[in-house]
Amino acid sequence: MFPDLIQYLWIAWLVLAVLFVIIELLTLEFTFLMLAAGTVLGGLGVNLLGGVWWLQVLAAAAVSALLLFTIRPVLLRALHRSSQHIPTNVDALTGMSARVVSSFTDGDGSVKLDNGETWTARLVDAAASVAPGQRVTVTAVRGATVVVAPEEGNPA
């Protein structure tokens, strides 16, 4: 019975490789991709060359480990090299210019950002005076309120 199972071991190697590729598609970290490649190159490769089952397992483990520690770090470095941090959503508002829409009372007012959105605003320095139409810069976002400061060169 055991020799019959060894005869069809190549099917197990293919199923295991497909399983690893499916898991890789869910995780996207190149770990299971390296295991799948080790399974195909080591396990299935030795099987097709007529190696015994324990040699197939050993070759699959060795090739997988080799790929995990050599190729995977290179792939991860190449993947992360081109991905610089680009602020989006609320993070992109910090540093954006705005025009004062309504006058500030007790440090609170309204501004229209350069992206066209109108926000409730609070001055960094509540004692500062800012007139409607004057340019300000967003320094922070606190919930649904932007904290603004008068732009350099504008009279405060």
C-alpha atoms as a PDB file:
ATOM      1  CA  MET A   1       0.000   0.000   0.000  1.00  0.00           C
ATOM      2  CA  PHE A   2       2.799   2.469   0.868  1.00  0.00           C
ATOM      3  CA  PRO A   3       4.587   2.003  -2.486  1.00  0.00           C
ATOM      4  CA  ASP A   4       1.326   2.892  -4.252  1.00  0.00           C
ATOM      5  CA  LEU A   5       1.107   6.190  -2.387  1.00  0.00           C
ATOM      6  CA  ILE A   6       4.709   7.086  -3.240  1.00  0.00           C
ATOM      7  CA  GLN A   7       3.893   6.536  -6.900  1.00  0.00           C
ATOM      8  CA  TYR A   8       1.408   9.438  -6.762  1.00  0.00           C
ATOM      9  CA  LEU A   9       3.462  11.734  -4.545  1.00  0.00           C
ATOM     10  CA  TRP A  10       3.891  14.186  -7.420  1.00  0.00           C
ATOM     11  CA  ILE A  11       0.186  15.055  -7.082  1.00  0.00           C
ATOM     12  CA  ALA A  12       0.737  15.938  -3.417  1.00  0.00           C
ATOM     13  CA  TRP A  13       3.624  18.240  -4.382  1.00  0.00           C
ATOM     14  CA  LEU A  14       1.442  20.052  -6.941  1.00  0.00           C
ATOM     15  CA  VAL A  15      -1.473  20.392  -4.513  1.00  0.00           C
ATOM     16  CA  LEU A  16       0.861  21.732  -1.823  1.00  0.00           C
ATOM     17  CA  ALA A  17       2.366  24.250  -4.262  1.00  0.00           C
ATOM     18  CA  VAL A  18      -1.085  25.473  -5.338  1.00  0.00           C
ATOM     19  CA  LEU A  19      -2.129  25.756  -1.688  1.00  0.00           C
ATOM     20  CA  PHE A  20       0.972  27.840  -0.926  1.00  0.00           C
ATOM     21  CA  VAL A  21       0.274  30.136  -3.888  1.00  0.00           C
ATOM     22  CA  ILE A  22      -3.320  30.673  -2.720  1.00  0.00           C
ATOM     23  CA  ILE A  23      -2.118  31.529   0.790  1.00  0.00           C
ATOM     24  CA  GLU A  24       0.470  33.885  -0.726  1.00  0.00           C
ATOM     25  CA  LEU A  25      -2.264  35.715  -2.613  1.00  0.00           C
ATOM     26  CA  LEU A  26      -3.955  36.356   0.730  1.00  0.00           C
ATOM     27  CA  THR A  27      -0.842  37.414   2.673  1.00  0.00           C
ATOM     28  CA  LEU A  28       1.294  39.171   0.020  1.00  0.00           C
ATOM     29  CA  GLU A  29       4.583  38.916   1.896  1.00  0.00           C
ATOM     30  CA  PHE A  30       6.536  36.498  -0.354  1.00  0.00           C
ATOM     31  CA  THR A  31       6.877  33.835   2.363  1.00  0.00           C
ATOM     32  CA  PHE A  32       4.461  31.301   0.924  1.00  0.00           C
ATOM     33  CA  LEU A  33       5.633  32.110  -2.595  1.00  0.00           C
ATOM     34  CA  MET A  34       9.114  30.949  -1.587  1.00  0.00           C
ATOM     35  CA  LEU A  35       7.618  27.802  -0.006  1.00  0.00           C
ATOM     36  CA  ALA A  36       5.674  27.117  -3.205  1.00  0.00           C
ATOM     37  CA  ALA A  37       8.820  27.533  -5.304  1.00  0.00           C
ATOM     38  CA  GLY A  38      10.731  25.223  -2.947  1.00  0.00           C
ATOM     39  CA  THR A  39       7.932  22.689  -3.193  1.00  0.00           C
ATOM     40  CA  VAL A  40       7.967  22.724  -6.988  1.00  0.00           C
ATOM     41  CA  LEU A  41      11.737  22.942  -7.491  1.00  0.00           C
ATOM     42  CA  GLY A  42      12.817  20.731  -4.617  1.00  0.00           C
ATOM     43  CA  GLY A  43      10.005  18.275  -3.940  1.00  0.00           C
ATOM     44  CA  LEU A  44       8.492  17.859  -7.386  1.00  0.00           C
ATOM     45  CA  GLY A  45      11.863  18.188  -9.102  1.00  0.00           C
ATOM     46  CA  VAL A  46      13.457  15.378  -7.109  1.00  0.00           C
ATOM     47  CA  ASN A  47      10.275  13.307  -7.557  1.00  0.00           C
ATOM     48  CA  LEU A  48      10.451  13.638 -11.336  1.00  0.00           C
ATOM     49  CA  LEU A  49      14.121  12.662 -11.237  1.00  0.00           C
ATOM     50  CA  GLY A  50      13.162   9.475  -9.358  1.00  0.00           C
ATOM     51  CA  GLY A  51      14.379  10.377  -5.860  1.00  0.00           C
ATOM     52  CA  VAL A  52      13.048   8.675  -2.727  1.00  0.00           C
ATOM     53  CA  TRP A  53      10.343  10.395  -0.683  1.00  0.00           C
ATOM     54  CA  TRP A  54      12.610  11.522   2.170  1.00  0.00           C
ATOM     55  CA  LEU A  55      15.014  13.092  -0.329  1.00  0.00           C
ATOM     56  CA  GLN A  56      12.095  14.950  -1.889  1.00  0.00           C
ATOM     57  CA  VAL A  57      11.086  16.371   1.491  1.00  0.00           C
ATOM     58  CA  LEU A  58      14.677  17.297   2.301  1.00  0.00           C
ATOM     59  CA  ALA A  59      15.168  18.997  -1.074  1.00  0.00           C
ATOM     60  CA  ALA A  60      11.882  20.912  -0.758  1.00  0.00           C
ATOM     61  CA  ALA A  61      12.857  22.135   2.719  1.00  0.00           C
ATOM     62  CA  ALA A  62      16.374  23.098   1.633  1.00  0.00           C
ATOM     63  CA  VAL A  63      15.262  24.989  -1.489  1.00  0.00           C
ATOM     64  CA  SER A  64      12.476  26.745   0.441  1.00  0.00           C
ATOM     65  CA  ALA A  65      14.897  27.833   3.173  1.00  0.00           C
ATOM     66  CA  LEU A  66      17.420  29.007   0.595  1.00  0.00           C
ATOM     67  CA  LEU A  67      14.791  31.083  -1.204  1.00  0.00           C
ATOM     68  CA  LEU A  68      13.387  32.477   2.050  1.00  0.00           C
ATOM     69  CA  PHE A  69      16.751  33.747   3.219  1.00  0.00           C
ATOM     70  CA  THR A  70      18.194  34.911  -0.107  1.00  0.00           C
ATOM     71  CA  ILE A  71      15.533  35.890  -2.645  1.00  0.00           C
ATOM     72  CA  ARG A  72      12.733  37.072  -0.327  1.00  0.00           C
ATOM     73  CA  PRO A  73      14.741  39.918   1.312  1.00  0.00           C
ATOM     74  CA  VAL A  74      15.808  41.161  -2.132  1.00  0.00           C
ATOM     75  CA  LEU A  75      12.199  41.129  -3.354  1.00  0.00           C
ATOM     76  CA  LEU A  76      10.958  42.945  -0.243  1.00  0.00           C
ATOM     77  CA  ARG A  77      13.655  45.612  -0.571  1.00  0.00           C
ATOM     78  CA  ALA A  78      12.786  46.161  -4.232  1.00  0.00           C
ATOM     79  CA  LEU A  79       9.095  46.362  -3.388  1.00  0.00           C
ATOM     80  CA  HIS A  80       9.531  48.917  -0.600  1.00  0.00           C
ATOM     81  CA  ARG A  81      12.173  51.007  -2.378  1.00  0.00           C
ATOM     82  CA  SER A  82       9.646  52.705  -4.626  1.00  0.00           C
ATOM     83  CA  SER A  83       6.919  53.176  -2.031  1.00  0.00           C
ATOM     84  CA  GLN A  84       7.458  56.562  -0.476  1.00  0.00           C
ATOM     85  CA  HIS A  85       4.873  57.821   2.006  1.00  0.00           C
ATOM     86  CA  ILE A  86       2.292  60.004   0.288  1.00  0.00           C
ATOM     87  CA  PRO A  87      -0.115  61.604   2.755  1.00  0.00           C
ATOM     88  CA  THR A  88      -3.782  61.141   1.911  1.00  0.00           C
ATOM     89  CA  ASN A  89      -7.140  62.127   3.375  1.00  0.00           C
ATOM     90  CA  VAL A  90      -6.814  64.148   6.585  1.00  0.00           C
ATOM     91  CA  ASP A  91      -3.028  63.679   6.691  1.00  0.00           C
ATOM     92  CA  ALA A  92      -2.733  65.618   3.427  1.00  0.00           C
ATOM     93  CA  LEU A  93      -4.367  68.710   4.935  1.00  0.00           C
ATOM     94  CA  THR A  94      -1.426  69.590   7.189  1.00  0.00           C
ATOM     95  CA  GLY A  95       0.623  72.287   5.471  1.00  0.00           C
ATOM     96  CA  MET A  96      -2.146  73.161   2.982  1.00  0.00           C
ATOM     97  CA  SER A  97      -2.997  76.816   2.402  1.00  0.00           C
ATOM     98  CA  ALA A  98      -6.462  78.205   2.958  1.00  0.00           C
ATOM     99  CA  ARG A  99      -8.374  81.473   2.667  1.00  0.00           C
ATOM    100  CA  VAL A 100     -10.362  82.796   5.629  1.00  0.00           C
ATOM    101  CA  VAL A 101     -14.095  82.762   4.807  1.00  0.00           C
ATOM    102  CA  SER A 102     -15.582  84.159   8.008  1.00  0.00           C
ATOM    103  CA  SER A 103     -13.945  86.259  10.681  1.00  0.00           C
ATOM    104  CA  PHE A 104     -12.575  84.546  13.752  1.00  0.00           C
ATOM    105  CA  THR A 105     -14.350  85.060  17.075  1.00  0.00           C
ATOM    106  CA  ASP A 106     -12.538  83.854  20.185  1.00  0.00           C
ATOM    107  CA  GLY A 107     -10.089  82.011  17.933  1.00  0.00           C
ATOM    108  CA  ASP A 108     -12.784  80.086  15.998  1.00  0.00           C
ATOM    109  CA  GLY A 109     -13.825  80.740  12.405  1.00  0.00           C
ATOM    110  CA  SER A 110     -14.151  79.187   8.967  1.00  0.00           C
ATOM    111  CA  VAL A 111     -11.658  78.686   6.136  1.00  0.00           C
ATOM    112  CA  LYS A 112     -11.804  77.410   2.567  1.00  0.00           C
ATOM    113  CA  LEU A 113      -8.886  75.096   1.830  1.00  0.00           C
ATOM    114  CA  ASP A 114      -7.052  75.144  -1.500  1.00  0.00           C
ATOM    115  CA  ASN A 115      -8.693  71.801  -2.341  1.00  0.00           C
ATOM    116  CA  GLY A 116     -12.108  73.515  -2.256  1.00  0.00           C
ATOM    117  CA  GLU A 117     -13.354  72.210   1.086  1.00  0.00           C
ATOM    118  CA  THR A 118     -14.702  74.562   3.739  1.00  0.00           C
ATOM    119  CA  TRP A 119     -13.678  73.678   7.291  1.00  0.00           C
ATOM    120  CA  THR A 120     -14.287  75.022  10.758  1.00  0.00           C
ATOM    121  CA  ALA A 121     -10.991  76.470  11.899  1.00  0.00           C
ATOM    122  CA  ARG A 122      -9.260  77.447  15.097  1.00  0.00           C
ATOM    123  CA  LEU A 123      -6.289  79.787  15.262  1.00  0.00           C
ATOM    124  CA  VAL A 124      -3.053  78.561  16.811  1.00  0.00           C
ATOM    125  CA  ASP A 125      -2.821  81.861  18.650  1.00  0.00           C
ATOM    126  CA  ALA A 126      -6.348  82.852  19.729  1.00  0.00           C
ATOM    127  CA  ALA A 127      -5.169  86.413  20.324  1.00  0.00           C
ATOM    128  CA  ALA A 128      -4.114  86.839  16.675  1.00  0.00           C
ATOM    129  CA  SER A 129      -6.322  88.826  14.349  1.00  0.00           C
ATOM    130  CA  VAL A 130      -7.176  87.375  10.943  1.00  0.00           C
ATOM    131  CA  ALA A 131      -9.461  89.111   8.453  1.00  0.00           C
ATOM    132  CA  PRO A 132     -11.704  87.410   5.865  1.00  0.00           C
ATOM    133  CA  GLY A 133      -9.819  86.828   2.620  1.00  0.00           C
ATOM    134  CA  GLN A 134      -6.464  86.504   4.355  1.00  0.00           C
ATOM    135  CA  ARG A 135      -4.319  83.412   3.648  1.00  0.00           C
ATOM    136  CA  VAL A 136      -3.596  80.930   6.437  1.00  0.00           C
ATOM    137  CA  THR A 137      -1.794  77.580   6.645  1.00  0.00           C
ATOM    138  CA  VAL A 138      -3.180  74.413   8.239  1.00  0.00           C
ATOM    139  CA  THR A 139      -0.891  73.277  11.059  1.00  0.00           C
ATOM    140  CA  ALA A 140      -2.984  70.387  12.425  1.00  0.00           C
ATOM    141  CA  VAL A 141      -6.338  68.651  12.207  1.00  0.00           C
ATOM    142  CA  ARG A 142      -8.330  68.092  15.392  1.00  0.00           C
ATOM    143  CA  GLY A 143     -11.428  66.072  14.581  1.00  0.00           C
ATOM    144  CA  ALA A 144     -13.597  68.170  12.243  1.00  0.00           C
ATOM    145  CA  THR A 145     -11.615  71.346  12.927  1.00  0.00           C
ATOM    146  CA  VAL A 146      -8.377  72.510  11.338  1.00  0.00           C
ATOM    147  CA  VAL A 147      -5.862  74.468  13.343  1.00  0.00           C
ATOM    148  CA  VAL A 148      -4.482  77.338  11.261  1.00  0.00           C
ATOM    149  CA  ALA A 149      -1.783  79.985  11.490  1.00  0.00           C
ATOM    150  CA  PRO A 150      -1.426  83.148   9.409  1.00  0.00           C
ATOM    151  CA  GLU A 151       0.914  82.663   6.433  1.00  0.00           C
ATOM    152  CA  GLU A 152       4.285  84.361   6.452  1.00  0.00           C
ATOM    153  CA  GLY A 153       4.140  87.742   4.759  1.00  0.00           C
ATOM    154  CA  ASN A 154       0.480  88.292   5.684  1.00  0.00           C
ATOM    155  CA  PRO A 155      -0.232  90.931   8.299  1.00  0.00           C
ATOM    156  CA  ALA A 156      -1.645  89.276  11.400  1.00  0.00           C
END
